[in-house]
Each structure stands twice: as C-alpha cells, then as structure tokens.
PDB file of N, CA and C in Angstrom:
ATOM      1  N   MET A   1     114.277  85.622 107.687  1.00  0.00           N
ATOM      2  CA  MET A   1     113.010  84.785 107.806  1.00  0.00           C
ATOM      3  C   MET A   1     112.783  84.162 106.563  1.00  0.00           C
ATOM      4  N   LEU A   2     113.149  84.895 105.347  1.00  0.00           N
ATOM      5  CA  LEU A   2     112.894  84.136 104.061  1.00  0.00           C
ATOM      6  C   LEU A   2     113.659  83.089 103.775  1.00  0.00           C
ATOM      7  N   ILE A   3     114.942  83.005 104.224  1.00  0.00           N
ATOM      8  CA  ILE A   3     116.068  82.136 104.086  1.00  0.00           C
ATOM      9  C   ILE A   3     115.477  80.930 105.034  1.00  0.00           C
ATOM     10  N   LEU A   4     115.099  81.116 106.206  1.00  0.00           N
ATOM     11  CA  LEU A   4     114.811  80.130 107.142  1.00  0.00           C
ATOM     12  C   LEU A   4     113.493  79.396 106.652  1.00  0.00           C
ATOM     13  N   GLY A   5     112.571  80.186 105.945  1.00  0.00           N
ATOM     14  CA  GLY A   5     111.379  79.547 105.477  1.00  0.00           C
ATOM     15  C   GLY A   5     111.457  79.072 104.139  1.00  0.00           C
ATOM     16  N   SER A   6     112.760  78.876 103.554  1.00  0.00           N
ATOM     17  CA  SER A   6     113.066  78.495 102.270  1.00  0.00           C
ATOM     18  C   SER A   6     112.285  79.104 101.237  1.00  0.00           C
ATOM     19  N   ILE A   7     112.162  80.460 101.287  1.00  0.00           N
ATOM     20  CA  ILE A   7     111.534  81.177 100.302  1.00  0.00           C
ATOM     21  C   ILE A   7     112.640  81.826  99.461  1.00  0.00           C
ATOM     22  N   ALA A   8     113.806  82.034 100.116  1.00  0.00           N
ATOM     23  CA  ALA A   8     115.014  82.694  99.451  1.00  0.00           C
ATOM     24  C   ALA A   8     116.141  81.866  99.733  1.00  0.00           C
ATOM     25  N   LYS A   9     117.106  81.829  98.762  1.00  0.00           N
ATOM     26  CA  LYS A   9     118.182  80.962  98.999  1.00  0.00           C
ATOM     27  C   LYS A   9     119.410  81.666  99.699  1.00  0.00           C
ATOM     28  N   ASP A  10     119.460  82.907  99.572  1.00  0.00           N
ATOM     29  CA  ASP A  10     120.491  83.834 100.137  1.00  0.00           C
ATOM     30  C   ASP A  10     120.096  85.171 100.387  1.00  0.00           C
ATOM     31  N   LYS A  11     121.192  86.000 100.949  1.00  0.00           N
ATOM     32  CA  LYS A  11     120.753  87.430 101.100  1.00  0.00           C
ATOM     33  C   LYS A  11     120.408  88.194 100.007  1.00  0.00           C
ATOM     34  N   THR A  12     121.052  87.978  98.986  1.00  0.00           N
ATOM     35  CA  THR A  12     120.913  88.741  97.624  1.00  0.00           C
ATOM     36  C   THR A  12     119.344  88.462  97.158  1.00  0.00           C
ATOM     37  N   GLU A  13     118.978  87.271  97.094  1.00  0.00           N
ATOM     38  CA  GLU A  13     117.713  86.882  96.715  1.00  0.00           C
ATOM     39  C   GLU A  13     116.515  87.471  97.725  1.00  0.00           C
ATOM     40  N   THR A  14     116.909  87.386  98.980  1.00  0.00           N
ATOM     41  CA  THR A  14     116.120  87.910  99.957  1.00  0.00           C
ATOM     42  C   THR A  14     115.833  89.485  99.706  1.00  0.00           C
ATOM     43  N   GLN A  15     116.917  90.224  99.434  1.00  0.00           N
ATOM     44  CA  GLN A  15     116.802  91.555  99.118  1.00  0.00           C
ATOM     45  C   GLN A  15     115.946  92.039  97.985  1.00  0.00           C
ATOM     46  N   THR A  16     116.189  91.116  96.949  1.00  0.00           N
ATOM     47  CA  THR A  16     115.431  91.301  95.661  1.00  0.00           C
ATOM     48  C   THR A  16     114.000  90.963  96.015  1.00  0.00           C
ATOM     49  N   LYS A  17     113.675  89.942  96.615  1.00  0.00           N
ATOM     50  CA  LYS A  17     112.151  89.753  96.878  1.00  0.00           C
ATOM     51  C   LYS A  17     111.549  90.736  97.771  1.00  0.00           C
ATOM     52  N   ILE A  18     112.153  91.278  98.664  1.00  0.00           N
ATOM     53  CA  ILE A  18     111.772  92.317  99.636  1.00  0.00           C
ATOM     54  C   ILE A  18     111.530  93.594  98.767  1.00  0.00           C
ATOM     55  N   HIS A  19     112.403  93.909  97.918  1.00  0.00           N
ATOM     56  CA  HIS A  19     112.260  95.162  97.154  1.00  0.00           C
ATOM     57  C   HIS A  19     111.069  95.046  96.251  1.00  0.00           C
ATOM     58  N   SER A  20     111.046  93.865  95.584  1.00  0.00           N
ATOM     59  CA  SER A  20     109.895  93.684  94.641  1.00  0.00           C
ATOM     60  C   SER A  20     108.586  93.891  95.325  1.00  0.00           C
ATOM     61  N   VAL A  21     108.343  93.245  96.621  1.00  0.00           N
ATOM     62  CA  VAL A  21     106.948  93.447  97.180  1.00  0.00           C
ATOM     63  C   VAL A  21     106.806  94.930  97.551  1.00  0.00           C
ATOM     64  N   ILE A  22     107.804  95.459  97.989  1.00  0.00           N
ATOM     65  CA  ILE A  22     107.640  96.989  98.409  1.00  0.00           C
ATOM     66  C   ILE A  22     107.272  97.776  97.236  1.00  0.00           C
ATOM     67  N   THR A  23     107.928  97.710  96.212  1.00  0.00           N
ATOM     68  CA  THR A  23     107.789  98.522  94.925  1.00  0.00           C
ATOM     69  C   THR A  23     106.470  98.077  94.219  1.00  0.00           C
ATOM     70  N   ASN A  24     105.963  96.899  94.349  1.00  0.00           N
ATOM     71  CA  ASN A  24     104.828  96.509  93.470  1.00  0.00           C
ATOM     72  C   ASN A  24     103.451  96.811  94.271  1.00  0.00           C
ATOM     73  N   GLY A  25     103.595  97.271  95.471  1.00  0.00           N
ATOM     74  CA  GLY A  25     102.437  97.516  96.388  1.00  0.00           C
ATOM     75  C   GLY A  25     101.816  96.431  97.084  1.00  0.00           C
ATOM     76  N   CYS A  26     102.374  95.277  97.131  1.00  0.00           N
ATOM     77  CA  CYS A  26     101.849  94.093  97.759  1.00  0.00           C
ATOM     78  C   CYS A  26     101.908  94.407  99.331  1.00  0.00           C
ATOM     79  N   THR A  27     102.980  95.072  99.756  1.00  0.00           N
ATOM     80  CA  THR A  27     103.200  95.310 101.176  1.00  0.00           C
ATOM     81  C   THR A  27     102.116  96.246 101.769  1.00  0.00           C
ATOM     82  N   LEU A  28     101.794  97.118 100.994  1.00  0.00           N
ATOM     83  CA  LEU A  28     100.640  98.222 101.321  1.00  0.00           C
ATOM     84  C   LEU A  28      99.380  97.461 101.436  1.00  0.00           C
ATOM     85  N   LYS A  29      99.001  96.601 100.445  1.00  0.00           N
ATOM     86  CA  LYS A  29      97.814  95.867 100.427  1.00  0.00           C
ATOM     87  C   LYS A  29      97.822  95.044 101.776  1.00  0.00           C
ATOM     88  N   LYS A  30      98.936  94.202 102.087  1.00  0.00           N
ATOM     89  CA  LYS A  30      98.918  93.372 103.262  1.00  0.00           C
ATOM     90  C   LYS A  30      98.765  94.146 104.593  1.00  0.00           C
ATOM     91  N   PHE A  31      99.475  95.313 104.504  1.00  0.00           N
ATOM     92  CA  PHE A  31      99.264  96.294 105.745  1.00  0.00           C
ATOM     93  C   PHE A  31      97.717  96.636 105.898  1.00  0.00           C
ATOM     94  N   ARG A  32      97.167  96.783 104.944  1.00  0.00           N
ATOM     95  CA  ARG A  32      95.751  97.216 104.932  1.00  0.00           C
ATOM     96  C   ARG A  32      94.903  96.082 105.427  1.00  0.00           C
ATOM     97  N   THR A  33      95.236  94.781 104.956  1.00  0.00           N
ATOM     98  CA  THR A  33      94.458  93.810 105.390  1.00  0.00           C
ATOM     99  C   THR A  33      94.669  93.408 106.864  1.00  0.00           C
ATOM    100  N   MET A  34      95.946  93.294 107.195  1.00  0.00           N
ATOM    101  CA  MET A  34      96.250  92.901 108.574  1.00  0.00           C
ATOM    102  C   MET A  34      95.759  93.773 109.618  1.00  0.00           C
ATOM    103  N   TYR A  35      95.770  95.083 109.499  1.00  0.00           N
ATOM    104  CA  TYR A  35      95.392  96.027 110.515  1.00  0.00           C
ATOM    105  C   TYR A  35      94.067  96.570 110.205  1.00  0.00           C
ATOM    106  N   LYS A  36      93.389  96.154 109.137  1.00  0.00           N
ATOM    107  CA  LYS A  36      92.042  96.685 108.899  1.00  0.00           C
ATOM    108  C   LYS A  36      92.024  98.237 108.867  1.00  0.00           C
ATOM    109  N   ILE A  37      92.948  98.785 108.250  1.00  0.00           N
ATOM    110  CA  ILE A  37      93.122 100.136 108.108  1.00  0.00           C
ATOM    111  C   ILE A  37      91.897 100.981 107.542  1.00  0.00           C
ATOM    112  N   LYS A  38      91.268 100.204 106.551  1.00  0.00           N
ATOM    113  CA  LYS A  38      90.072 100.691 105.887  1.00  0.00           C
ATOM    114  C   LYS A  38      89.070 101.195 106.745  1.00  0.00           C
ATOM    115  N   MET A  39      88.898 100.467 107.911  1.00  0.00           N
ATOM    116  CA  MET A  39      87.921 100.606 108.970  1.00  0.00           C
ATOM    117  C   MET A  39      88.412 101.868 109.827  1.00  0.00           C
ATOM    118  N   GLN A  40      89.790 102.042 109.838  1.00  0.00           N
ATOM    119  CA  GLN A  40      90.225 103.163 110.714  1.00  0.00           C
ATOM    120  C   GLN A  40      90.756 104.356 109.850  1.00  0.00           C
ATOM    121  N   GLY A  41      90.179 104.464 108.626  1.00  0.00           N
ATOM    122  CA  GLY A  41      90.442 105.714 107.806  1.00  0.00           C
ATOM    123  C   GLY A  41      91.547 105.414 106.923  1.00  0.00           C
ATOM    124  N   PHE A  42      91.701 104.237 106.207  1.00  0.00           N
ATOM    125  CA  PHE A  42      92.716 104.025 105.301  1.00  0.00           C
ATOM    126  C   PHE A  42      92.593 104.956 104.079  1.00  0.00           C
ATOM    127  N   GLN A  43      91.488 105.317 103.550  1.00  0.00           N
ATOM    128  CA  GLN A  43      91.190 106.354 102.567  1.00  0.00           C
ATOM    129  C   GLN A  43      91.989 107.712 102.929  1.00  0.00           C
ATOM    130  N   ARG A  44      91.717 108.031 104.087  1.00  0.00           N
ATOM    131  CA  ARG A  44      92.229 109.251 104.545  1.00  0.00           C
ATOM    132  C   ARG A  44      93.945 109.188 104.646  1.00  0.00           C
ATOM    133  N   LEU A  45      94.386 108.090 105.135  1.00  0.00           N
ATOM    134  CA  LEU A  45      95.745 107.856 105.229  1.00  0.00           C
ATOM    135  C   LEU A  45      96.444 107.961 103.832  1.00  0.00           C
ATOM    136  N   CYS A  46      95.659 107.273 102.802  1.00  0.00           N
ATOM    137  CA  CYS A  46      96.248 107.468 101.398  1.00  0.00           C
ATOM    138  C   CYS A  46      96.236 108.791 100.897  1.00  0.00           C
ATOM    139  N   ARG A  47      95.189 109.585 101.172  1.00  0.00           N
ATOM    140  CA  ARG A  47      95.020 110.861 100.619  1.00  0.00           C
ATOM    141  C   ARG A  47      96.178 111.792 101.119  1.00  0.00           C
ATOM    142  N   ARG A  48      96.514 111.372 102.255  1.00  0.00           N
ATOM    143  CA  ARG A  48      97.715 112.174 102.911  1.00  0.00           C
ATOM    144  C   ARG A  48      99.076 111.673 102.560  1.00  0.00           C
ATOM    145  N   GLN A  49      99.207 110.879 101.454  1.00  0.00           N
ATOM    146  CA  GLN A  49     100.400 110.379 100.970  1.00  0.00           C
ATOM    147  C   GLN A  49     101.112 109.566 102.045  1.00  0.00           C
ATOM    148  N   LEU A  50     100.460 108.617 102.611  1.00  0.00           N
ATOM    149  CA  LEU A  50     100.882 107.786 103.540  1.00  0.00           C
ATOM    150  C   LEU A  50     101.684 108.529 104.845  1.00  0.00           C
ATOM    151  N   ASN A  51     100.912 109.816 105.307  1.00  0.00           N
ATOM    152  CA  ASN A  51     101.433 110.399 106.355  1.00  0.00           C
ATOM    153  C   ASN A  51     101.017 109.712 107.672  1.00  0.00           C
ATOM    154  N   TYR A  52     101.807 108.795 108.289  1.00  0.00           N
ATOM    155  CA  TYR A  52     101.454 108.073 109.298  1.00  0.00           C
ATOM    156  C   TYR A  52     101.053 108.803 110.610  1.00  0.00           C
ATOM    157  N   THR A  53     101.301 110.092 110.687  1.00  0.00           N
ATOM    158  CA  THR A  53     100.899 110.799 111.854  1.00  0.00           C
ATOM    159  C   THR A  53      99.322 110.796 112.238  1.00  0.00           C
ATOM    160  N   CYS A  54      98.575 110.380 111.242  1.00  0.00           N
ATOM    161  CA  CYS A  54      97.159 110.205 111.474  1.00  0.00           C
ATOM    162  C   CYS A  54      96.849 108.839 112.339  1.00  0.00           C
ATOM    163  N   LEU A  55      97.893 107.970 112.485  1.00  0.00           N
ATOM    164  CA  LEU A  55      97.691 106.761 113.391  1.00  0.00           C
ATOM    165  C   LEU A  55      97.923 107.064 114.857  1.00  0.00           C
ATOM    166  N   PRO A  56      97.389 106.213 115.655  1.00  0.00           N
ATOM    167  CA  PRO A  56      97.695 106.440 117.092  1.00  0.00           C
ATOM    168  C   PRO A  56      99.147 106.484 117.438  1.00  0.00           C
ATOM    169  N   THR A  57      99.488 107.038 118.354  1.00  0.00           N
ATOM    170  CA  THR A  57     100.908 107.107 118.857  1.00  0.00           C
ATOM    171  C   THR A  57     100.988 106.794 120.341  1.00  0.00           C
ATOM    172  N   ALA A  58     101.968 106.380 120.972  1.00  0.00           N
ATOM    173  CA  ALA A  58     102.077 106.074 122.447  1.00  0.00           C
ATOM    174  C   ALA A  58     102.054 107.516 123.130  1.00  0.00           C
ATOM    175  N   SER A  59     101.559 107.421 124.356  1.00  0.00           N
ATOM    176  CA  SER A  59     101.462 108.582 125.171  1.00  0.00           C
ATOM    177  C   SER A  59     102.775 109.173 125.713  1.00  0.00           C
ATOM    178  N   LYS A  60     103.873 108.221 125.767  1.00  0.00           N
ATOM    179  CA  LYS A  60     105.211 108.746 126.067  1.00  0.00           C
ATOM    180  C   LYS A  60     106.109 108.236 124.958  1.00  0.00           C
ATOM    181  N   ILE A  61     106.900 109.190 124.589  1.00  0.00           N
ATOM    182  CA  ILE A  61     107.773 108.985 123.443  1.00  0.00           C
ATOM    183  C   ILE A  61     109.297 109.291 123.900  1.00  0.00           C
ATOM    184  N   LYS A  62     110.181 108.396 123.991  1.00  0.00           N
ATOM    185  CA  LYS A  62     111.582 108.497 124.484  1.00  0.00           C
ATOM    186  C   LYS A  62     112.513 108.556 123.113  1.00  0.00           C
ATOM    187  N   SER A  63     113.399 109.487 123.007  1.00  0.00           N
ATOM    188  CA  SER A  63     114.319 109.527 121.964  1.00  0.00           C
ATOM    189  C   SER A  63     115.481 108.618 122.307  1.00  0.00           C
ATOM    190  N   ALA A  64     116.159 108.042 121.156  1.00  0.00           N
ATOM    191  CA  ALA A  64     117.249 107.218 121.310  1.00  0.00           C
ATOM    192  C   ALA A  64     118.353 107.611 120.401  1.00  0.00           C
ATOM    193  N   PRO A  65     118.972 108.799 120.728  1.00  0.00           N
ATOM    194  CA  PRO A  65     120.075 109.435 119.806  1.00  0.00           C
ATOM    195  C   PRO A  65     121.142 108.439 119.670  1.00  0.00           C
ATOM    196  N   ALA A  66     121.747 108.420 118.374  1.00  0.00           N
ATOM    197  CA  ALA A  66     123.021 107.660 118.171  1.00  0.00           C
ATOM    198  C   ALA A  66     124.300 108.516 118.386  1.00  0.00           C
ATOM    199  N   SER A  67     125.382 107.837 118.639  1.00  0.00           N
ATOM    200  CA  SER A  67     126.601 108.641 118.728  1.00  0.00           C
ATOM    201  C   SER A  67     126.891 109.182 117.372  1.00  0.00           C
ATOM    202  N   SER A  68     127.756 110.282 117.374  1.00  0.00           N
ATOM    203  CA  SER A  68     128.124 110.944 116.170  1.00  0.00           C
ATOM    204  C   SER A  68     128.727 109.959 115.227  1.00  0.00           C
ATOM    205  N   ALA A  69     129.544 108.905 115.642  1.00  0.00           N
ATOM    206  CA  ALA A  69     130.046 107.902 114.648  1.00  0.00           C
ATOM    207  C   ALA A  69     129.184 106.866 114.361  1.00  0.00           C
ATOM    208  N   ALA A  70     128.054 106.838 114.894  1.00  0.00           N
ATOM    209  CA  ALA A  70     127.181 105.587 114.597  1.00  0.00           C
ATOM    210  C   ALA A  70     126.398 105.914 113.312  1.00  0.00           C
ATOM    211  N   HIS A  71     126.016 104.811 112.441  1.00  0.00           N
ATOM    212  CA  HIS A  71     125.284 105.045 111.453  1.00  0.00           C
ATOM    213  C   HIS A  71     124.610 103.486 111.194  1.00  0.00           C
ATOM    214  N   GLY A  72     123.531 103.452 110.612  1.00  0.00           N
ATOM    215  CA  GLY A  72     122.907 102.106 110.210  1.00  0.00           C
ATOM    216  C   GLY A  72     121.408 102.002 110.841  1.00  0.00           C
ATOM    217  N   PHE A  73     121.346 100.944 111.697  1.00  0.00           N
ATOM    218  CA  PHE A  73     120.068 100.919 112.207  1.00  0.00           C
ATOM    219  C   PHE A  73     119.989 100.367 113.546  1.00  0.00           C
ATOM    220  N   ILE A  74     118.855 100.374 114.349  1.00  0.00           N
ATOM    221  CA  ILE A  74     118.639  99.910 115.605  1.00  0.00           C
ATOM    222  C   ILE A  74     118.779  98.335 115.622  1.00  0.00           C
ATOM    223  N   ALA A  75     119.607  97.608 116.331  1.00  0.00           N
ATOM    224  CA  ALA A  75     119.759  96.208 116.342  1.00  0.00           C
ATOM    225  C   ALA A  75     119.123  95.574 117.468  1.00  0.00           C
ATOM    226  N   LYS A  76     118.811  96.403 118.507  1.00  0.00           N
ATOM    227  CA  LYS A  76     118.158  95.769 119.775  1.00  0.00           C
ATOM    228  C   LYS A  76     117.553  96.896 120.602  1.00  0.00           C
ATOM    229  N   ILE A  77     116.495  96.506 121.209  1.00  0.00           N
ATOM    230  CA  ILE A  77     115.796  97.305 122.157  1.00  0.00           C
ATOM    231  C   ILE A  77     115.449  96.512 123.291  1.00  0.00           C
ATOM    232  N   GLU A  78     115.923  97.048 124.442  1.00  0.00           N
ATOM    233  CA  GLU A  78     115.389  96.265 125.675  1.00  0.00           C
ATOM    234  C   GLU A  78     114.228  96.894 126.128  1.00  0.00           C
ATOM    235  N   ALA A  79     112.914  96.343 125.738  1.00  0.00           N
ATOM    236  CA  ALA A  79     111.731  97.001 126.050  1.00  0.00           C
ATOM    237  C   ALA A  79     111.493  97.173 127.619  1.00  0.00           C
ATOM    238  N   LEU A  80     111.792  96.407 128.474  1.00  0.00           N
ATOM    239  CA  LEU A  80     111.469  96.547 129.829  1.00  0.00           C
ATOM    240  C   LEU A  80     112.316  97.715 130.491  1.00  0.00           C
ATOM    241  N   LYS A  81     113.677  97.872 130.118  1.00  0.00           N
ATOM    242  CA  LYS A  81     114.454  98.952 130.595  1.00  0.00           C
ATOM    243  C   LYS A  81     114.042 100.246 130.040  1.00  0.00           C
ATOM    244  N   SER A  82     113.479 100.215 128.730  1.00  0.00           N
ATOM    245  CA  SER A  82     113.081 101.416 128.094  1.00  0.00           C
ATOM    246  C   SER A  82     111.682 101.671 128.725  1.00  0.00           C
ATOM    247  N   ALA A  83     110.747 100.948 129.139  1.00  0.00           N
ATOM    248  CA  ALA A  83     109.540 101.241 129.605  1.00  0.00           C
ATOM    249  C   ALA A  83     109.821 101.684 131.152  1.00  0.00           C
ATOM    250  N   MET A  84     110.845 101.297 131.800  1.00  0.00           N
ATOM    251  CA  MET A  84     110.915 101.635 133.283  1.00  0.00           C
ATOM    252  C   MET A  84     111.781 102.818 133.449  1.00  0.00           C
ATOM    253  N   GLY A  85     112.619 103.233 132.425  1.00  0.00           N
ATOM    254  CA  GLY A  85     113.581 104.375 132.493  1.00  0.00           C
ATOM    255  C   GLY A  85     113.149 105.476 131.788  1.00  0.00           C
TER     256      GLY A  85
END
C-alpha cells in the first residue's frame, strides 16, 4: 500500500518506514485514536503491558493449524467458509 500510494519507492523502503513507525510509538497513538481505546480503558490496557486479552473477543474461535512443514504467515482467509464451517 505504501508503494501504491507513492509513500515508499520499494519493498526495502516500505519495511524501513513500517519498522520506524512501530518502534517510535506512532502506531500505538494511531491505534488509540482510531478505536477510541481511551474510552474503553486504554489506560488499563497500557498498565497490563499491552495485554490484548482485555479487549472483546468473538464468541466462537476456530483454530487454523499449519502443516508441520509450513512457516510464515496466513495469506488468505475465506470468511464465509470459515463462518459456515
């Protein structure tokens, strides 16, 4: 998205910019602003060292185990199939 938005020239610059905003606290500030966490107990969240278990969770949770050879990240989730099955 950074490349498409002309904010970064390439993957290396994108990774540098992302790492920078994560480490300097900008992302946490934006997170608080976007979701108005202060109204939902942001201070409590920070006191718990960002333990996100105090945030609401889905009533049904389904695991998606990887094969033993798999590593990396989830590339795609088919929401409808996941919800129905």
